[in-house]
Amino acid sequence: ARRILRDREGDVEKGVPISPDVGRITFDDAAVDLLNDYSINRKKTYDDTRRRIRKHLSPFFGNRRMITITTTELRAYVTKRLADGTPVRQKRSRAKDEASASDAPKRPVSAGEINRELTVLKRMFSLAIQAGKLVHKPHFPMLRENNVRAGFFEREQYLAVQKHLPTSMRPVVTFAYVTGWRINSEVLPLQWRQVDLKLGEVRLDPGTTKNLEGRVFYLTSELKELLEAQRKA
């Protein structure tokens, strides 16, 4: 109680509004606020976030005040998720229908999957603090992810694959290989207004990339020759 009082006194000095309702917000209220925020900002992850809340976060934290969700509770959630695992989808059969859900085969939950769920909850805390419904959030014990990308093609392998591609696809794959840009969302939609052969650059417009920021790539001699040939064609 003394710690909470000190926190509130500090917030008053910082100009943070403190109302009698501070600390009363529940997990369910915070989830509604989060989904409203995602809907307003047209987040592409809206459906995925709603699924994570419904399937995983709500059964564990539902009907609780956010202020009672501590780091200890978050560790307990992570421990439970790791122990529960994820059911493996299999073809339905009469025998399997008769078997209990606890007997269904399961696979371990990845660290990345749990971290995405914790990130959703962390965002719920941030929005509640912005709205003056909470004064602080707990430490979130994120798991270490082993998501280092592997399997990159060496140039010799890339050239070997090129030989087996249709002629019309080779410029696309070359452009993607050299720039590292995504074929479907960044390479194929390119227009000539985004290419400046005199300056030797090609641009992606803001809002078209994954992070919504614009991007400029300075052409190599290989790409410049490729684009000049494409323009003639």
Protein backbone atom coordinates (compact mmCIF):
# COMPACT_ATOMS: atom_id res chain seq x y z
CA ALA A 1 0.00 0.00 0.00
CA ARG A 2 2.86 2.38 0.80
CA ARG A 3 4.55 1.57 -2.49
CA ILE A 4 1.34 2.26 -4.41
CA LEU A 5 0.93 5.54 -2.51
CA ARG A 6 4.48 6.59 -3.43
CA ASP A 7 3.81 5.67 -7.08
CA ARG A 8 0.64 7.74 -7.13
CA GLU A 9 2.32 10.70 -5.45
CA GLY A 10 5.05 10.51 -8.07
CA ASP A 11 2.47 10.40 -10.86
CA VAL A 12 0.73 13.46 -9.41
CA GLU A 13 4.04 15.35 -9.55
CA LYS A 14 4.48 14.26 -13.18
CA GLY A 15 0.99 15.48 -14.04
CA VAL A 16 -0.46 12.00 -14.57
CA PRO A 17 -4.21 12.10 -13.82
CA ILE A 18 -5.18 9.94 -10.83
CA SER A 19 -8.85 9.07 -10.35
CA PRO A 20 -10.71 6.88 -7.84
CA ASP A 21 -11.03 4.24 -10.59
CA VAL A 22 -7.26 3.73 -10.89
CA GLY A 23 -6.46 0.05 -10.43
CA ARG A 24 -10.05 -1.11 -10.89
CA ILE A 25 -9.74 -2.05 -14.56
CA THR A 26 -10.15 -5.78 -15.18
CA PHE A 27 -8.45 -7.98 -17.71
CA ASP A 28 -11.69 -8.23 -19.71
CA ASP A 29 -12.03 -4.43 -19.83
CA ALA A 30 -8.40 -4.08 -20.92
CA ALA A 31 -8.92 -6.70 -23.64
CA VAL A 32 -11.87 -4.73 -25.04
CA ASP A 33 -9.77 -1.54 -25.03
CA LEU A 34 -6.96 -3.32 -26.86
CA LEU A 35 -9.20 -4.76 -29.57
CA ASN A 36 -10.84 -1.36 -30.03
CA ASP A 37 -7.38 0.18 -30.47
CA TYR A 38 -6.44 -2.48 -33.03
CA SER A 39 -9.73 -1.96 -34.88
CA ILE A 40 -9.38 1.83 -34.98
CA ASN A 41 -5.81 1.59 -36.29
CA ARG A 42 -6.72 -1.22 -38.70
CA LYS A 43 -4.05 -3.55 -37.38
CA LYS A 44 -3.57 -6.58 -39.60
CA THR A 45 -3.00 -8.69 -36.48
CA TYR A 46 -6.49 -7.99 -35.11
CA ASP A 47 -7.86 -11.50 -35.72
CA ASP A 48 -4.70 -13.17 -34.48
CA THR A 49 -4.68 -11.03 -31.32
CA ARG A 50 -8.34 -11.79 -30.62
CA ARG A 51 -7.56 -15.51 -30.98
CA ARG A 52 -4.66 -15.30 -28.53
CA ILE A 53 -6.84 -13.53 -25.99
CA ARG A 54 -9.73 -15.96 -26.34
CA LYS A 55 -7.75 -19.20 -26.38
CA HIS A 56 -4.87 -18.52 -24.01
CA LEU A 57 -4.86 -15.26 -22.07
CA SER A 58 -8.51 -15.01 -21.06
CA PRO A 59 -8.78 -18.53 -19.53
CA PHE A 60 -5.83 -17.72 -17.25
CA PHE A 61 -6.28 -14.01 -16.46
CA GLY A 62 -9.99 -13.45 -17.10
CA ASN A 63 -12.21 -11.78 -14.46
CA ARG A 64 -9.17 -10.43 -12.62
CA ARG A 65 -8.07 -6.89 -11.95
CA MET A 66 -5.03 -5.93 -13.97
CA ILE A 67 -3.33 -4.62 -10.84
CA THR A 68 -3.23 -8.19 -9.45
CA ILE A 69 -1.28 -9.52 -12.46
CA THR A 70 2.30 -9.51 -11.20
CA THR A 71 5.56 -10.81 -12.63
CA THR A 72 5.07 -13.93 -10.51
CA GLU A 73 1.69 -14.48 -12.16
CA LEU A 74 3.24 -13.99 -15.59
CA ARG A 75 5.86 -16.65 -14.85
CA ALA A 76 3.09 -18.99 -13.72
CA TYR A 77 1.32 -18.37 -17.03
CA VAL A 78 4.47 -19.17 -19.01
CA THR A 79 5.03 -22.35 -16.98
CA LYS A 80 1.46 -23.50 -17.64
CA ARG A 81 1.68 -22.78 -21.36
CA LEU A 82 4.91 -24.76 -21.61
CA ALA A 83 3.36 -27.66 -19.68
CA ASP A 84 0.08 -27.68 -21.62
CA GLY A 85 1.65 -27.76 -25.07
CA THR A 86 -0.35 -27.42 -28.28
CA PRO A 87 -2.67 -30.20 -29.54
CA VAL A 88 -1.54 -31.72 -32.84
CA ARG A 89 -4.23 -31.63 -35.50
CA GLN A 90 -5.08 -35.05 -36.84
CA LYS A 91 -7.76 -36.52 -39.05
CA ARG A 92 -10.95 -37.14 -37.15
CA SER A 93 -12.02 -40.70 -36.48
CA ARG A 94 -14.60 -42.38 -34.29
CA ALA A 95 -11.91 -43.73 -31.98
CA LYS A 96 -10.37 -40.29 -31.54
CA ASP A 97 -13.75 -38.71 -30.92
CA GLU A 98 -14.24 -41.15 -28.06
CA ALA A 99 -10.82 -40.41 -26.58
CA SER A 100 -10.55 -37.60 -24.07
CA ALA A 101 -8.90 -34.31 -25.04
CA SER A 102 -6.13 -34.95 -22.52
CA ASP A 103 -5.07 -38.04 -24.47
CA ALA A 104 -4.61 -36.10 -27.72
CA PRO A 105 -0.97 -35.83 -28.88
CA LYS A 106 0.64 -32.47 -28.23
CA ARG A 107 3.71 -30.61 -29.36
CA PRO A 108 5.76 -28.14 -27.32
CA VAL A 109 4.78 -24.48 -27.48
CA SER A 110 7.47 -22.32 -29.06
CA ALA A 111 9.07 -19.45 -27.18
CA GLY A 112 7.96 -17.13 -29.97
CA GLU A 113 4.31 -18.11 -29.56
CA ILE A 114 4.37 -17.42 -25.81
CA ASN A 115 6.24 -14.14 -26.33
CA ARG A 116 3.56 -12.94 -28.78
CA GLU A 117 0.93 -13.64 -26.13
CA LEU A 118 2.92 -11.75 -23.48
CA THR A 119 3.33 -8.86 -25.92
CA VAL A 120 -0.45 -8.66 -26.30
CA LEU A 121 -0.87 -8.49 -22.52
CA LYS A 122 1.93 -5.94 -22.23
CA ARG A 123 0.15 -3.72 -24.76
CA MET A 124 -3.02 -4.01 -22.69
CA PHE A 125 -1.11 -2.65 -19.68
CA SER A 126 0.33 0.22 -21.75
CA LEU A 127 -3.09 1.29 -23.01
CA ALA A 128 -4.53 1.15 -19.48
CA ILE A 129 -1.70 3.38 -18.22
CA GLN A 130 -2.27 5.83 -21.09
CA ALA A 131 -5.94 6.01 -20.12
CA GLY A 132 -5.08 6.70 -16.47
CA LYS A 133 -6.58 3.38 -15.34
CA LEU A 134 -3.25 2.00 -14.08
CA VAL A 135 -0.08 3.61 -12.78
CA HIS A 136 2.47 0.91 -13.57
CA LYS A 137 2.98 -2.44 -15.26
CA PRO A 138 4.95 -5.48 -14.10
CA HIS A 139 8.16 -6.80 -15.59
CA PHE A 140 7.43 -9.24 -18.40
CA PRO A 141 9.66 -12.36 -18.38
CA MET A 142 10.09 -12.86 -22.14
CA LEU A 143 11.58 -16.13 -23.32
CA ARG A 144 14.70 -16.40 -25.41
CA GLU A 145 13.84 -17.13 -29.05
CA ASN A 146 16.02 -19.21 -31.32
CA ASN A 147 14.81 -17.62 -34.53
CA VAL A 148 18.08 -17.02 -36.34
CA ARG A 149 17.38 -17.35 -40.04
CA ALA A 150 19.21 -20.15 -41.80
CA GLY A 151 19.28 -21.72 -45.22
CA PHE A 152 20.40 -18.72 -47.26
CA PHE A 153 21.46 -19.47 -50.83
CA GLU A 154 25.05 -18.91 -51.79
CA ARG A 155 25.46 -17.27 -55.19
CA GLU A 156 26.41 -20.55 -56.86
CA GLN A 157 23.20 -22.14 -55.59
CA TYR A 158 21.14 -19.16 -56.71
CA LEU A 159 22.62 -19.35 -60.23
CA ALA A 160 21.90 -23.09 -60.37
CA VAL A 161 18.24 -22.47 -59.49
CA GLN A 162 18.02 -19.66 -62.07
CA LYS A 163 18.74 -22.16 -64.86
CA HIS A 164 15.55 -24.08 -64.04
CA LEU A 165 13.26 -21.03 -63.93
CA PRO A 166 11.07 -19.79 -66.79
CA THR A 167 12.69 -16.89 -68.64
CA SER A 168 10.03 -14.45 -67.47
CA MET A 169 10.73 -15.27 -63.82
CA ARG A 170 14.49 -14.83 -63.88
CA PRO A 171 14.56 -11.00 -63.64
CA VAL A 172 12.13 -11.13 -60.70
CA VAL A 173 14.21 -13.65 -58.77
CA THR A 174 17.43 -11.79 -59.55
CA PHE A 175 15.98 -8.52 -58.29
CA ALA A 176 14.72 -10.20 -55.11
CA TYR A 177 18.02 -12.01 -54.53
CA VAL A 178 20.13 -8.87 -54.83
CA THR A 179 17.84 -6.51 -52.88
CA GLY A 180 16.44 -8.95 -50.32
CA TRP A 181 12.98 -7.51 -50.96
CA ARG A 182 9.80 -9.59 -50.73
CA ILE A 183 8.62 -10.79 -54.13
CA ASN A 184 4.83 -10.63 -53.73
CA SER A 185 4.50 -7.42 -51.73
CA GLU A 186 7.56 -5.39 -52.73
CA VAL A 187 9.06 -6.55 -56.05
CA LEU A 188 6.09 -7.40 -58.27
CA PRO A 189 4.05 -4.25 -57.43
CA LEU A 190 6.96 -1.94 -58.43
CA GLN A 191 6.19 0.74 -61.02
CA TRP A 192 8.58 2.63 -63.28
CA ARG A 193 7.91 5.88 -61.38
CA GLN A 194 9.81 4.26 -58.48
CA VAL A 195 12.89 3.58 -60.61
CA ASP A 196 15.47 6.27 -61.42
CA LEU A 197 18.14 4.83 -63.70
CA LYS A 198 20.01 8.16 -63.90
CA LEU A 199 20.43 8.38 -60.14
CA GLY A 200 20.79 4.61 -59.93
CA GLU A 201 18.14 3.95 -57.32
CA VAL A 202 14.79 2.26 -56.82
CA ARG A 203 12.34 3.29 -54.10
CA LEU A 204 9.58 1.65 -52.09
CA ASP A 205 6.82 4.06 -51.10
CA PRO A 206 6.00 4.60 -47.40
CA GLY A 207 3.16 2.33 -46.35
CA THR A 208 4.07 -0.49 -48.73
CA THR A 209 6.75 -2.19 -46.60
CA LYS A 210 6.34 -4.38 -43.52
CA ASN A 211 7.28 -1.54 -41.15
CA LEU A 212 5.35 0.99 -43.29
CA GLU A 213 8.53 3.05 -43.85
CA GLY A 214 9.89 3.94 -47.28
CA ARG A 215 13.05 2.34 -48.58
CA VAL A 216 15.73 3.16 -51.16
CA PHE A 217 18.07 0.67 -52.83
CA TYR A 218 21.05 1.90 -54.82
CA LEU A 219 21.36 -0.18 -57.96
CA THR A 220 24.29 -2.48 -58.57
CA SER A 221 25.58 -2.74 -62.12
CA GLU A 222 23.78 -6.10 -62.40
CA LEU A 223 20.44 -4.61 -61.40
CA LYS A 224 20.89 -1.56 -63.61
CA GLU A 225 21.47 -3.76 -66.65
CA LEU A 226 18.49 -5.91 -65.69
CA LEU A 227 16.15 -2.89 -65.38
CA GLU A 228 17.38 -1.34 -68.60
CA ALA A 229 16.60 -4.62 -70.38
CA GLN A 230 13.18 -4.76 -68.73
CA ARG A 231 12.40 -1.22 -69.87
CA LYS A 232 13.34 -2.03 -73.46
CA ALA A 233 11.16 -5.13 -73.30
